[in-house]
Amino acid sequence: MTLAWPWMFLLLPLPWVVRRWLPPAAADVALRVPSADDFATAAPDRDTFTTVQAPASRPELRLALAIWLLLVVAAARPQWIDDASPMPVSGRDLMIAFDVSASMATSDLRLDGRPLERLHVARTLASDFVARRDGDRVGLIVFGERAYLHTPPTYDLAAVRAALAATAVGLAGRETALGDAIALAAARQSESGDSDKVLILLTDGANTSGNLDPVQAGWIAARAKLRIHAVGLGAPRASAAGNAPDDAPSAGLDEATLRRIAEQTGGSYHRAADAEALAAFYGLIDELEPVVRDASLRPVRELHPWPLGLALGLFAWLALRRPRAATA
């Protein structure tokens, strides 16, 4: 327990100072009249009586001092400070851009021993990644033929994970507007001030739609100080294996462009041909962009209502029990 305002205890001797230095009240009061004859036969009138307090007894004086002590303690604001708990804080704004074009329906990534759709594996591992980013503001962009802000940057990681689970192939069209997705992320992150800005870009194809070339968008991202970590999804030679049609809109992964964008922005590029490689990519991002736990939270509970309430209760009890004496 601690006191927020310990200097309030300087008020403790105030009653003694008042009693010591202020002049005492007159003990006896006399009424001077020319003659007392008129008062000799006068009947006492109840209206002429005044009510005065009986002198305080020693127990009442002690009780009054206890009330004063409680008031001073309440004024000093006693506080109970709980144990410090670490609070993850990184000051980082992290955006995830998810490719939901038609080719993301290709079932060539194995998870738990089963071949599953690229999108299913990507969003499952992305959800685990988001759950570890406590302290970051995380947002979600989905892109196909166009790029859309699905979830604005937020500290509510549960909302981001729910948004990831709701993504579906073709949600934003069947093609791949890679450049527009990067430009949208740069525009949104530019609103976040001086915080550290990161974009996680997941795609399995080349830019086939949109208004901006990916390299131009990468230049915009670099100017906005947005660091891009890109990952190219899909098993090698998927078309030759018969897992994806040759004319799929995003069948050809443009690794050279993704690597150039990462270099432009100070990020990194990685190839994920299976679920293990994609999980390793997210683990690497945790190392490159760690959540910094450099702050702690110590909840403070105010205790002054207790001595204050007790003082007021004792004062009310003392005021009600003091007898009143009537005197002329």
C-alpha atoms as a PDB file:
ATOM      1  CA  MET A   1       0.000   0.000   0.000  1.00  0.00           C
ATOM      2  CA  THR A   2       1.190   3.536  -0.717  1.00  0.00           C
ATOM      3  CA  LEU A   3       0.005   7.121  -0.269  1.00  0.00           C
ATOM      4  CA  ALA A   4      -0.509   9.389  -3.266  1.00  0.00           C
ATOM      5  CA  TRP A   5      -0.438  12.608  -1.206  1.00  0.00           C
ATOM      6  CA  PRO A   6       1.545  11.856   2.002  1.00  0.00           C
ATOM      7  CA  TRP A   7       2.106  15.558   2.629  1.00  0.00           C
ATOM      8  CA  MET A   8      -1.536  15.752   3.787  1.00  0.00           C
ATOM      9  CA  PHE A   9      -0.324  14.373   7.143  1.00  0.00           C
ATOM     10  CA  LEU A  10       1.094  17.854   7.802  1.00  0.00           C
ATOM     11  CA  LEU A  11      -2.510  18.767   8.656  1.00  0.00           C
ATOM     12  CA  LEU A  12      -2.602  16.397  11.645  1.00  0.00           C
ATOM     13  CA  PRO A  13      -1.663  19.056  14.276  1.00  0.00           C
ATOM     14  CA  LEU A  14      -4.200  21.550  12.899  1.00  0.00           C
ATOM     15  CA  PRO A  15      -6.766  21.032  15.734  1.00  0.00           C
ATOM     16  CA  TRP A  16      -4.034  21.555  18.374  1.00  0.00           C
ATOM     17  CA  VAL A  17      -2.848  24.715  16.567  1.00  0.00           C
ATOM     18  CA  VAL A  18      -6.386  26.076  16.470  1.00  0.00           C
ATOM     19  CA  ARG A  19      -6.927  25.329  20.170  1.00  0.00           C
ATOM     20  CA  ARG A  20      -3.514  26.725  21.107  1.00  0.00           C
ATOM     21  CA  TRP A  21      -3.531  30.012  19.205  1.00  0.00           C
ATOM     22  CA  LEU A  22      -7.155  31.079  18.826  1.00  0.00           C
ATOM     23  CA  PRO A  23      -8.680  32.899  21.833  1.00  0.00           C
ATOM     24  CA  PRO A  24     -11.082  30.735  23.858  1.00  0.00           C
ATOM     25  CA  ALA A  25     -14.797  31.507  23.888  1.00  0.00           C
ATOM     26  CA  ALA A  26     -16.066  33.507  26.878  1.00  0.00           C
ATOM     27  CA  ALA A  27     -16.930  31.166  29.755  1.00  0.00           C
ATOM     28  CA  ASP A  28     -19.606  33.394  31.389  1.00  0.00           C
ATOM     29  CA  VAL A  29     -21.878  36.014  29.904  1.00  0.00           C
ATOM     30  CA  ALA A  30     -23.757  38.596  32.038  1.00  0.00           C
ATOM     31  CA  LEU A  31     -26.687  40.847  31.182  1.00  0.00           C
ATOM     32  CA  ARG A  32     -26.472  44.264  32.844  1.00  0.00           C
ATOM     33  CA  VAL A  33     -29.817  45.955  33.650  1.00  0.00           C
ATOM     34  CA  PRO A  34     -30.678  49.019  35.855  1.00  0.00           C
ATOM     35  CA  SER A  35     -32.849  46.950  38.203  1.00  0.00           C
ATOM     36  CA  ALA A  36     -33.582  43.263  38.703  1.00  0.00           C
ATOM     37  CA  ASP A  37     -37.040  43.890  40.222  1.00  0.00           C
ATOM     38  CA  ASP A  38     -38.867  43.305  36.958  1.00  0.00           C
ATOM     39  CA  PHE A  39     -37.221  39.920  36.634  1.00  0.00           C
ATOM     40  CA  ALA A  40     -37.962  38.731  40.163  1.00  0.00           C
ATOM     41  CA  THR A  41     -41.622  37.873  39.565  1.00  0.00           C
ATOM     42  CA  ALA A  42     -41.454  37.155  35.897  1.00  0.00           C
ATOM     43  CA  ALA A  43     -42.584  33.647  35.002  1.00  0.00           C
ATOM     44  CA  PRO A  44     -40.140  31.712  32.955  1.00  0.00           C
ATOM     45  CA  ASP A  45     -40.980  31.648  29.271  1.00  0.00           C
ATOM     46  CA  ARG A  46     -39.953  28.586  27.244  1.00  0.00           C
ATOM     47  CA  ASP A  47     -39.280  30.850  24.285  1.00  0.00           C
ATOM     48  CA  THR A  48     -36.574  32.684  26.211  1.00  0.00           C
ATOM     49  CA  PHE A  49     -34.496  29.533  26.634  1.00  0.00           C
ATOM     50  CA  THR A  50     -31.651  28.791  24.269  1.00  0.00           C
ATOM     51  CA  THR A  51     -30.082  25.441  23.604  1.00  0.00           C
ATOM     52  CA  VAL A  52     -26.372  24.995  24.080  1.00  0.00           C
ATOM     53  CA  GLN A  53     -24.104  22.000  23.721  1.00  0.00           C
ATOM     54  CA  ALA A  54     -22.922  20.241  26.828  1.00  0.00           C
ATOM     55  CA  PRO A  55     -19.166  20.305  27.225  1.00  0.00           C
ATOM     56  CA  ALA A  56     -17.432  17.462  25.451  1.00  0.00           C
ATOM     57  CA  SER A  57     -16.359  14.532  27.614  1.00  0.00           C
ATOM     58  CA  ARG A  58     -12.920  12.947  27.313  1.00  0.00           C
ATOM     59  CA  PRO A  59     -14.180   9.898  25.330  1.00  0.00           C
ATOM     60  CA  GLU A  60     -15.957  12.232  22.903  1.00  0.00           C
ATOM     61  CA  LEU A  61     -12.784  14.269  22.481  1.00  0.00           C
ATOM     62  CA  ARG A  62     -10.834  11.113  21.680  1.00  0.00           C
ATOM     63  CA  LEU A  63     -13.486  10.093  19.181  1.00  0.00           C
ATOM     64  CA  ALA A  64     -13.292  13.518  17.527  1.00  0.00           C
ATOM     65  CA  LEU A  65      -9.515  13.156  17.206  1.00  0.00           C
ATOM     66  CA  ALA A  66      -9.981   9.703  15.648  1.00  0.00           C
ATOM     67  CA  ILE A  67     -12.413  11.209  13.128  1.00  0.00           C
ATOM     68  CA  TRP A  68      -9.849  13.889  12.268  1.00  0.00           C
ATOM     69  CA  LEU A  69      -7.138  11.251  11.805  1.00  0.00           C
ATOM     70  CA  LEU A  70      -9.396   9.265   9.449  1.00  0.00           C
ATOM     71  CA  LEU A  71     -10.120  12.393   7.405  1.00  0.00           C
ATOM     72  CA  VAL A  72      -6.406  13.139   7.050  1.00  0.00           C
ATOM     73  CA  VAL A  73      -5.710   9.539   6.021  1.00  0.00           C
ATOM     74  CA  ALA A  74      -8.462   9.765   3.390  1.00  0.00           C
ATOM     75  CA  ALA A  75      -7.038  13.065   2.127  1.00  0.00           C
ATOM     76  CA  ALA A  76      -3.618  11.400   1.732  1.00  0.00           C
ATOM     77  CA  ARG A  77      -5.237   8.990  -0.803  1.00  0.00           C
ATOM     78  CA  PRO A  78      -4.100   5.524   0.274  1.00  0.00           C
ATOM     79  CA  GLN A  79      -3.737   3.203  -2.725  1.00  0.00           C
ATOM     80  CA  TRP A  80      -3.266  -0.507  -3.211  1.00  0.00           C
ATOM     81  CA  ILE A  81      -0.928  -1.261  -6.135  1.00  0.00           C
ATOM     82  CA  ASP A  82      -1.225  -4.773  -7.579  1.00  0.00           C
ATOM     83  CA  ASP A  83       1.723  -6.742  -8.887  1.00  0.00           C
ATOM     84  CA  ALA A  84       3.113  -5.584 -12.229  1.00  0.00           C
ATOM     85  CA  SER A  85       2.008  -7.572 -15.263  1.00  0.00           C
ATOM     86  CA  PRO A  86       3.860  -7.387 -18.594  1.00  0.00           C
ATOM     87  CA  MET A  87       1.997  -5.584 -21.359  1.00  0.00           C
ATOM     88  CA  PRO A  88       3.135  -6.383 -24.904  1.00  0.00           C
ATOM     89  CA  VAL A  89       3.690  -3.146 -26.788  1.00  0.00           C
ATOM     90  CA  SER A  90       5.505  -2.751 -30.078  1.00  0.00           C
ATOM     91  CA  GLY A  91       3.952   0.352 -31.604  1.00  0.00           C
ATOM     92  CA  ARG A  92       3.749  -1.501 -34.929  1.00  0.00           C
ATOM     93  CA  ASP A  93       0.998  -1.304 -37.537  1.00  0.00           C
ATOM     94  CA  LEU A  94       0.865  -4.598 -39.389  1.00  0.00           C
ATOM     95  CA  MET A  95      -1.258  -5.150 -42.489  1.00  0.00           C
ATOM     96  CA  ILE A  96      -1.892  -8.537 -44.127  1.00  0.00           C
ATOM     97  CA  ALA A  97      -2.717  -8.561 -47.858  1.00  0.00           C
ATOM     98  CA  PHE A  98      -4.367 -11.818 -48.915  1.00  0.00           C
ATOM     99  CA  ASP A  99      -4.652 -13.055 -52.497  1.00  0.00           C
ATOM    100  CA  VAL A 100      -8.162 -14.506 -53.025  1.00  0.00           C
ATOM    101  CA  SER A 101      -7.935 -14.959 -56.803  1.00  0.00           C
ATOM    102  CA  ALA A 102      -9.171 -18.119 -58.548  1.00  0.00           C
ATOM    103  CA  SER A 103      -5.830 -19.923 -58.407  1.00  0.00           C
ATOM    104  CA  MET A 104      -5.906 -19.864 -54.577  1.00  0.00           C
ATOM    105  CA  ALA A 105      -8.423 -22.734 -54.827  1.00  0.00           C
ATOM    106  CA  THR A 106      -5.638 -25.053 -56.026  1.00  0.00           C
ATOM    107  CA  SER A 107      -5.218 -27.981 -53.603  1.00  0.00           C
ATOM    108  CA  ASP A 108      -1.454 -28.467 -53.622  1.00  0.00           C
ATOM    109  CA  LEU A 109      -0.455 -27.482 -50.060  1.00  0.00           C
ATOM    110  CA  ARG A 110      -0.472 -30.254 -47.486  1.00  0.00           C
ATOM    111  CA  LEU A 111      -1.585 -29.577 -43.910  1.00  0.00           C
ATOM    112  CA  ASP A 112      -1.752 -32.401 -41.342  1.00  0.00           C
ATOM    113  CA  GLY A 113      -0.950 -34.827 -44.126  1.00  0.00           C
ATOM    114  CA  ARG A 114      -3.828 -33.791 -46.396  1.00  0.00           C
ATOM    115  CA  PRO A 115      -3.665 -31.709 -49.574  1.00  0.00           C
ATOM    116  CA  LEU A 116      -5.779 -28.603 -49.064  1.00  0.00           C
ATOM    117  CA  GLU A 117      -6.579 -25.387 -50.887  1.00  0.00           C
ATOM    118  CA  ARG A 118      -3.868 -22.761 -50.822  1.00  0.00           C
ATOM    119  CA  LEU A 119      -6.274 -20.245 -49.341  1.00  0.00           C
ATOM    120  CA  HIS A 120      -7.359 -22.597 -46.537  1.00  0.00           C
ATOM    121  CA  VAL A 121      -3.777 -23.357 -45.513  1.00  0.00           C
ATOM    122  CA  ALA A 122      -2.723 -19.713 -45.812  1.00  0.00           C
ATOM    123  CA  ARG A 123      -5.561 -18.335 -43.677  1.00  0.00           C
ATOM    124  CA  THR A 124      -5.202 -21.094 -41.042  1.00  0.00           C
ATOM    125  CA  LEU A 125      -1.527 -20.327 -40.488  1.00  0.00           C
ATOM    126  CA  ALA A 126      -2.170 -16.583 -40.777  1.00  0.00           C
ATOM    127  CA  SER A 127      -4.745 -16.841 -37.971  1.00  0.00           C
ATOM    128  CA  ASP A 128      -2.153 -18.492 -35.706  1.00  0.00           C
ATOM    129  CA  PHE A 129       0.304 -15.731 -36.619  1.00  0.00           C
ATOM    130  CA  VAL A 130      -2.199 -12.961 -35.793  1.00  0.00           C
ATOM    131  CA  ALA A 131      -2.932 -14.562 -32.415  1.00  0.00           C
ATOM    132  CA  ARG A 132       0.738 -14.060 -31.486  1.00  0.00           C
ATOM    133  CA  ARG A 133       0.756 -10.349 -32.388  1.00  0.00           C
ATOM    134  CA  ASP A 134      -0.725  -9.087 -29.132  1.00  0.00           C
ATOM    135  CA  GLY A 135       0.242  -5.407 -28.936  1.00  0.00           C
ATOM    136  CA  ASP A 136       0.236  -4.718 -32.688  1.00  0.00           C
ATOM    137  CA  ARG A 137      -2.515  -3.073 -34.700  1.00  0.00           C
ATOM    138  CA  VAL A 138      -3.401  -5.573 -37.413  1.00  0.00           C
ATOM    139  CA  GLY A 139      -5.498  -5.013 -40.530  1.00  0.00           C
ATOM    140  CA  LEU A 140      -6.573  -7.190 -43.470  1.00  0.00           C
ATOM    141  CA  ILE A 141      -6.652  -6.473 -47.210  1.00  0.00           C
ATOM    142  CA  VAL A 142      -8.085  -8.952 -49.718  1.00  0.00           C
ATOM    143  CA  PHE A 143      -7.341  -8.644 -53.403  1.00  0.00           C
ATOM    144  CA  GLY A 144      -8.350 -10.357 -56.612  1.00  0.00           C
ATOM    145  CA  GLU A 145      -9.486  -8.344 -59.590  1.00  0.00           C
ATOM    146  CA  ARG A 146      -9.547  -5.377 -57.195  1.00  0.00           C
ATOM    147  CA  ALA A 147      -8.105  -4.698 -53.745  1.00  0.00           C
ATOM    148  CA  TYR A 148     -10.369  -4.052 -50.762  1.00  0.00           C
ATOM    149  CA  LEU A 149      -9.771  -3.097 -47.148  1.00  0.00           C
ATOM    150  CA  HIS A 150     -11.527  -5.959 -45.364  1.00  0.00           C
ATOM    151  CA  THR A 151     -10.609  -5.003 -41.769  1.00  0.00           C
ATOM    152  CA  PRO A 152      -9.081  -1.631 -40.769  1.00  0.00           C
ATOM    153  CA  PRO A 153      -6.033  -1.792 -38.454  1.00  0.00           C
ATOM    154  CA  THR A 154      -7.223  -2.695 -34.975  1.00  0.00           C
ATOM    155  CA  TYR A 155      -5.992  -4.077 -31.652  1.00  0.00           C
ATOM    156  CA  ASP A 156      -8.946  -6.480 -31.680  1.00  0.00           C
ATOM    157  CA  LEU A 157      -7.085  -9.531 -32.934  1.00  0.00           C
ATOM    158  CA  ALA A 158     -10.162 -11.732 -32.539  1.00  0.00           C
ATOM    159  CA  ALA A 159     -11.954  -9.571 -35.120  1.00  0.00           C
ATOM    160  CA  VAL A 160      -9.040  -9.937 -37.554  1.00  0.00           C
ATOM    161  CA  ARG A 161      -9.013 -13.718 -37.105  1.00  0.00           C
ATOM    162  CA  ALA A 162     -12.752 -13.847 -37.712  1.00  0.00           C
ATOM    163  CA  ALA A 163     -12.281 -11.807 -40.884  1.00  0.00           C
ATOM    164  CA  LEU A 164      -9.560 -14.213 -42.051  1.00  0.00           C
ATOM    165  CA  ALA A 165     -11.874 -17.172 -41.510  1.00  0.00           C
ATOM    166  CA  ALA A 166     -14.529 -15.466 -43.657  1.00  0.00           C
ATOM    167  CA  THR A 167     -12.304 -14.980 -46.708  1.00  0.00           C
ATOM    168  CA  ALA A 168     -13.148 -17.067 -49.768  1.00  0.00           C
ATOM    169  CA  VAL A 169     -11.791 -17.643 -53.261  1.00  0.00           C
ATOM    170  CA  GLY A 170     -13.256 -15.127 -55.697  1.00  0.00           C
ATOM    171  CA  LEU A 171     -14.331 -12.737 -52.943  1.00  0.00           C
ATOM    172  CA  ALA A 172     -12.643  -9.852 -54.807  1.00  0.00           C
ATOM    173  CA  GLY A 173     -12.658 -11.294 -58.318  1.00  0.00           C
ATOM    174  CA  ARG A 174     -10.757 -14.084 -60.088  1.00  0.00           C
ATOM    175  CA  GLU A 175      -7.666 -12.183 -61.233  1.00  0.00           C
ATOM    176  CA  THR A 176      -4.778 -10.605 -59.268  1.00  0.00           C
ATOM    177  CA  ALA A 177      -4.459  -6.856 -58.650  1.00  0.00           C
ATOM    178  CA  LEU A 178      -1.130  -7.125 -56.846  1.00  0.00           C
ATOM    179  CA  GLY A 179      -0.038  -3.512 -57.411  1.00  0.00           C
ATOM    180  CA  ASP A 180      -3.371  -2.098 -56.209  1.00  0.00           C
ATOM    181  CA  ALA A 181      -3.160  -4.159 -52.995  1.00  0.00           C
ATOM    182  CA  ILE A 182       0.303  -2.773 -52.196  1.00  0.00           C
ATOM    183  CA  ALA A 183      -0.802   0.815 -52.947  1.00  0.00           C
ATOM    184  CA  LEU A 184      -3.900   0.416 -50.762  1.00  0.00           C
ATOM    185  CA  ALA A 185      -1.787  -0.838 -47.868  1.00  0.00           C
ATOM    186  CA  ALA A 186       0.627   2.084 -48.293  1.00  0.00           C
ATOM    187  CA  ALA A 187      -2.273   4.571 -48.304  1.00  0.00           C
ATOM    188  CA  ARG A 188      -3.800   3.100 -45.142  1.00  0.00           C
ATOM    189  CA  GLN A 189      -0.498   2.841 -43.290  1.00  0.00           C
ATOM    190  CA  SER A 190       0.426   6.436 -44.121  1.00  0.00           C
ATOM    191  CA  GLU A 191      -2.390   7.493 -41.761  1.00  0.00           C
ATOM    192  CA  SER A 192      -0.719   5.816 -38.766  1.00  0.00           C
ATOM    193  CA  GLY A 193       1.909   8.501 -38.154  1.00  0.00           C
ATOM    194  CA  ASP A 194       5.416   7.528 -37.065  1.00  0.00           C
ATOM    195  CA  SER A 195       4.666   3.964 -35.958  1.00  0.00           C
ATOM    196  CA  ASP A 196       6.539   1.053 -37.510  1.00  0.00           C
ATOM    197  CA  LYS A 197       4.651  -0.095 -40.643  1.00  0.00           C
ATOM    198  CA  VAL A 198       4.757  -3.629 -42.023  1.00  0.00           C
ATOM    199  CA  LEU A 199       2.872  -5.403 -44.835  1.00  0.00           C
ATOM    200  CA  ILE A 200       2.653  -9.204 -45.059  1.00  0.00           C
ATOM    201  CA  LEU A 201       1.884  -9.972 -48.724  1.00  0.00           C
ATOM    202  CA  LEU A 202       0.619 -13.465 -49.657  1.00  0.00           C
ATOM    203  CA  THR A 203       0.068 -14.316 -53.314  1.00  0.00           C
ATOM    204  CA  ASP A 204       0.371 -17.243 -55.720  1.00  0.00           C
ATOM    205  CA  GLY A 205       0.429 -15.382 -59.038  1.00  0.00           C
ATOM    206  CA  ALA A 206       1.583 -12.449 -61.090  1.00  0.00           C
ATOM    207  CA  ASN A 207      -0.133  -9.083 -61.472  1.00  0.00           C
ATOM    208  CA  THR A 208      -2.965  -9.552 -64.010  1.00  0.00           C
ATOM    209  CA  SER A 209      -5.352  -6.759 -63.080  1.00  0.00           C
ATOM    210  CA  GLY A 210      -5.593  -3.356 -61.419  1.00  0.00           C
ATOM    211  CA  ASN A 211      -4.370   0.140 -62.213  1.00  0.00           C
ATOM    212  CA  LEU A 212      -0.851   0.079 -60.763  1.00  0.00           C
ATOM    213  CA  ASP A 213       2.222  -1.896 -61.686  1.00  0.00           C
ATOM    214  CA  PRO A 214       3.573  -3.753 -58.604  1.00  0.00           C
ATOM    215  CA  VAL A 215       7.015  -2.144 -58.913  1.00  0.00           C
ATOM    216  CA  GLN A 216       5.442   1.329 -59.014  1.00  0.00           C
ATOM    217  CA  ALA A 217       3.345   0.390 -55.989  1.00  0.00           C
ATOM    218  CA  GLY A 218       6.509  -0.813 -54.259  1.00  0.00           C
ATOM    219  CA  TRP A 219       8.077   2.601 -54.841  1.00  0.00           C
ATOM    220  CA  ILE A 220       5.011   4.225 -53.228  1.00  0.00           C
ATOM    221  CA  ALA A 221       5.311   1.835 -50.280  1.00  0.00           C
ATOM    222  CA  ALA A 222       8.997   2.687 -49.871  1.00  0.00           C
ATOM    223  CA  ARG A 223       8.151   6.403 -49.769  1.00  0.00           C
ATOM    224  CA  ALA A 224       5.536   5.666 -47.100  1.00  0.00           C
ATOM    225  CA  LYS A 225       8.199   3.718 -45.106  1.00  0.00           C
ATOM    226  CA  LEU A 226       6.119   0.556 -45.423  1.00  0.00           C
ATOM    227  CA  ARG A 227       8.250  -2.568 -45.110  1.00  0.00           C
ATOM    228  CA  ILE A 228       6.954  -5.487 -47.202  1.00  0.00           C
ATOM    229  CA  HIS A 229       7.534  -9.165 -46.431  1.00  0.00           C
ATOM    230  CA  ALA A 230       6.214 -11.181 -49.377  1.00  0.00           C
ATOM    231  CA  VAL A 231       5.610 -14.913 -49.713  1.00  0.00           C
ATOM    232  CA  GLY A 232       4.925 -16.794 -52.933  1.00  0.00           C
ATOM    233  CA  LEU A 233       2.499 -19.696 -52.454  1.00  0.00           C
ATOM    234  CA  GLY A 234       2.117 -22.936 -54.366  1.00  0.00           C
ATOM    235  CA  ALA A 235       3.902 -26.200 -55.027  1.00  0.00           C
ATOM    236  CA  PRO A 236       6.510 -26.056 -57.821  1.00  0.00           C
ATOM    237  CA  ARG A 237       5.358 -27.041 -61.308  1.00  0.00           C
ATOM    238  CA  ALA A 238       1.749 -27.291 -60.118  1.00  0.00           C
ATOM    239  CA  SER A 239       0.411 -26.992 -63.660  1.00  0.00           C
ATOM    240  CA  ALA A 240       2.585 -29.825 -64.936  1.00  0.00           C
ATOM    241  CA  ALA A 241       1.322 -32.048 -62.120  1.00  0.00           C
ATOM    242  CA  GLY A 242      -2.216 -31.388 -63.198  1.00  0.00           C
ATOM    243  CA  ASN A 243      -3.227 -29.609 -59.998  1.00  0.00           C
ATOM    244  CA  ALA A 244      -3.919 -26.275 -61.658  1.00  0.00           C
ATOM    245  CA  PRO A 245      -5.003 -25.405 -65.197  1.00  0.00           C
ATOM    246  CA  ASP A 246      -2.424 -23.680 -67.396  1.00  0.00           C
ATOM    247  CA  ASP A 247      -4.835 -20.829 -68.101  1.00  0.00           C
ATOM    248  CA  ALA A 248      -5.523 -20.026 -64.423  1.00  0.00           C
ATOM    249  CA  PRO A 249      -5.338 -16.227 -63.995  1.00  0.00           C
ATOM    250  CA  SER A 250      -2.583 -16.470 -61.374  1.00  0.00           C
ATOM    251  CA  ALA A 251      -0.877 -19.675 -62.466  1.00  0.00           C
ATOM    252  CA  GLY A 252       2.538 -18.050 -63.028  1.00  0.00           C
ATOM    253  CA  LEU A 253       4.175 -16.780 -59.853  1.00  0.00           C
ATOM    254  CA  ASP A 254       6.258 -13.673 -60.573  1.00  0.00           C
ATOM    255  CA  GLU A 255       9.021 -14.233 -58.022  1.00  0.00           C
ATOM    256  CA  ALA A 256      11.350 -11.650 -59.571  1.00  0.00           C
ATOM    257  CA  THR A 257       8.801  -8.861 -59.027  1.00  0.00           C
ATOM    258  CA  LEU A 258       8.020  -9.960 -55.468  1.00  0.00           C
ATOM    259  CA  ARG A 259      11.722 -10.089 -54.627  1.00  0.00           C
ATOM    260  CA  ARG A 260      12.255  -6.614 -56.112  1.00  0.00           C
ATOM    261  CA  ILE A 261       9.357  -5.156 -54.117  1.00  0.00           C
ATOM    262  CA  ALA A 262      10.763  -6.645 -50.910  1.00  0.00           C
ATOM    263  CA  GLU A 263      14.197  -5.169 -51.643  1.00  0.00           C
ATOM    264  CA  GLN A 264      12.681  -1.758 -52.464  1.00  0.00           C
ATOM    265  CA  THR A 265      11.014  -1.540 -49.063  1.00  0.00           C
ATOM    266  CA  GLY A 266      13.647  -3.172 -46.869  1.00  0.00           C
ATOM    267  CA  GLY A 267      11.612  -6.350 -46.405  1.00  0.00           C
ATOM    268  CA  SER A 268      12.112  -9.951 -47.477  1.00  0.00           C
ATOM    269  CA  TYR A 269      10.782 -12.496 -49.963  1.00  0.00           C
ATOM    270  CA  HIS A 270      10.221 -16.206 -49.312  1.00  0.00           C
ATOM    271  CA  ARG A 271       8.908 -19.136 -51.296  1.00  0.00           C
ATOM    272  CA  ALA A 272       6.336 -21.419 -49.639  1.00  0.00           C
ATOM    273  CA  ALA A 273       5.867 -24.621 -51.592  1.00  0.00           C
ATOM    274  CA  ASP A 274       4.206 -26.390 -48.661  1.00  0.00           C
ATOM    275  CA  ALA A 275       2.524 -25.674 -45.329  1.00  0.00           C
ATOM    276  CA  GLU A 276       5.757 -26.194 -43.368  1.00  0.00           C
ATOM    277  CA  ALA A 277       7.526 -23.527 -45.429  1.00  0.00           C
ATOM    278  CA  LEU A 278       4.637 -21.122 -44.916  1.00  0.00           C
ATOM    279  CA  ALA A 279       4.670 -21.746 -41.139  1.00  0.00           C
ATOM    280  CA  ALA A 280       8.439 -21.127 -41.172  1.00  0.00           C
ATOM    281  CA  PHE A 281       7.798 -17.833 -42.983  1.00  0.00           C
ATOM    282  CA  TYR A 282       5.469 -16.648 -40.225  1.00  0.00           C
ATOM    283  CA  GLY A 283       8.012 -17.740 -37.617  1.00  0.00           C
ATOM    284  CA  LEU A 284      10.666 -15.703 -39.403  1.00  0.00           C
ATOM    285  CA  ILE A 285       8.386 -12.640 -39.399  1.00  0.00           C
ATOM    286  CA  ASP A 286       8.024 -13.038 -35.627  1.00  0.00           C
ATOM    287  CA  GLU A 287      11.811 -12.806 -35.420  1.00  0.00           C
ATOM    288  CA  LEU A 288      12.204  -9.945 -37.898  1.00  0.00           C
ATOM    289  CA  GLU A 289       9.260  -7.962 -36.494  1.00  0.00           C
ATOM    290  CA  PRO A 290       9.144  -8.982 -32.810  1.00  0.00           C
ATOM    291  CA  VAL A 291       6.472  -7.933 -30.374  1.00  0.00           C
ATOM    292  CA  VAL A 292       8.398  -5.831 -27.857  1.00  0.00           C
ATOM    293  CA  ARG A 293       7.406  -6.376 -24.241  1.00  0.00           C
ATOM    294  CA  ASP A 294       8.964  -3.301 -22.663  1.00  0.00           C
ATOM    295  CA  ALA A 295       6.035  -2.013 -20.662  1.00  0.00           C
ATOM    296  CA  SER A 296       4.243  -3.205 -17.561  1.00  0.00           C
ATOM    297  CA  LEU A 297       0.858  -2.474 -16.102  1.00  0.00           C
ATOM    298  CA  ARG A 298       0.312  -2.041 -12.351  1.00  0.00           C
ATOM    299  CA  PRO A 299      -3.384  -1.677 -11.524  1.00  0.00           C
ATOM    300  CA  VAL A 300      -4.049   0.874  -8.772  1.00  0.00           C
ATOM    301  CA  ARG A 301      -7.048   0.668  -6.451  1.00  0.00           C
ATOM    302  CA  GLU A 302      -8.071   3.754  -4.486  1.00  0.00           C
ATOM    303  CA  LEU A 303      -8.693   3.047  -0.779  1.00  0.00           C
ATOM    304  CA  HIS A 304      -9.622   6.539   0.477  1.00  0.00           C
ATOM    305  CA  PRO A 305     -13.404   5.861   0.429  1.00  0.00           C
ATOM    306  CA  TRP A 306     -12.963   3.475   3.377  1.00  0.00           C
ATOM    307  CA  PRO A 307     -11.447   5.880   5.949  1.00  0.00           C
ATOM    308  CA  LEU A 308     -13.653   8.683   4.626  1.00  0.00           C
ATOM    309  CA  GLY A 309     -16.821   6.613   5.021  1.00  0.00           C
ATOM    310  CA  LEU A 310     -15.774   5.492   8.506  1.00  0.00           C
ATOM    311  CA  ALA A 311     -15.063   9.099   9.553  1.00  0.00           C
ATOM    312  CA  LEU A 312     -18.449  10.304   8.318  1.00  0.00           C
ATOM    313  CA  GLY A 313     -20.196   7.428  10.072  1.00  0.00           C
ATOM    314  CA  LEU A 314     -18.457   8.164  13.402  1.00  0.00           C
ATOM    315  CA  PHE A 315     -19.233  11.850  13.049  1.00  0.00           C
ATOM    316  CA  ALA A 316     -22.943  11.154  12.488  1.00  0.00           C
ATOM    317  CA  TRP A 317     -23.029   8.789  15.458  1.00  0.00           C
ATOM    318  CA  LEU A 318     -21.268  11.340  17.674  1.00  0.00           C
ATOM    319  CA  ALA A 319     -23.631  14.131  16.608  1.00  0.00           C
ATOM    320  CA  LEU A 320     -26.733  12.044  17.329  1.00  0.00           C
ATOM    321  CA  ARG A 321     -25.667  10.746  20.744  1.00  0.00           C
ATOM    322  CA  ARG A 322     -24.439  14.017  22.309  1.00  0.00           C
ATOM    323  CA  PRO A 323     -26.987  15.215  24.877  1.00  0.00           C
ATOM    324  CA  ARG A 324     -28.270  18.761  24.614  1.00  0.00           C
ATOM    325  CA  ALA A 325     -28.583  20.933  27.724  1.00  0.00           C
ATOM    326  CA  ALA A 326     -31.005  23.810  28.006  1.00  0.00           C
ATOM    327  CA  THR A 327     -29.977  26.939  29.863  1.00  0.00           C
ATOM    328  CA  ALA A 328     -31.365  30.399  30.158  1.00  0.00           C
END
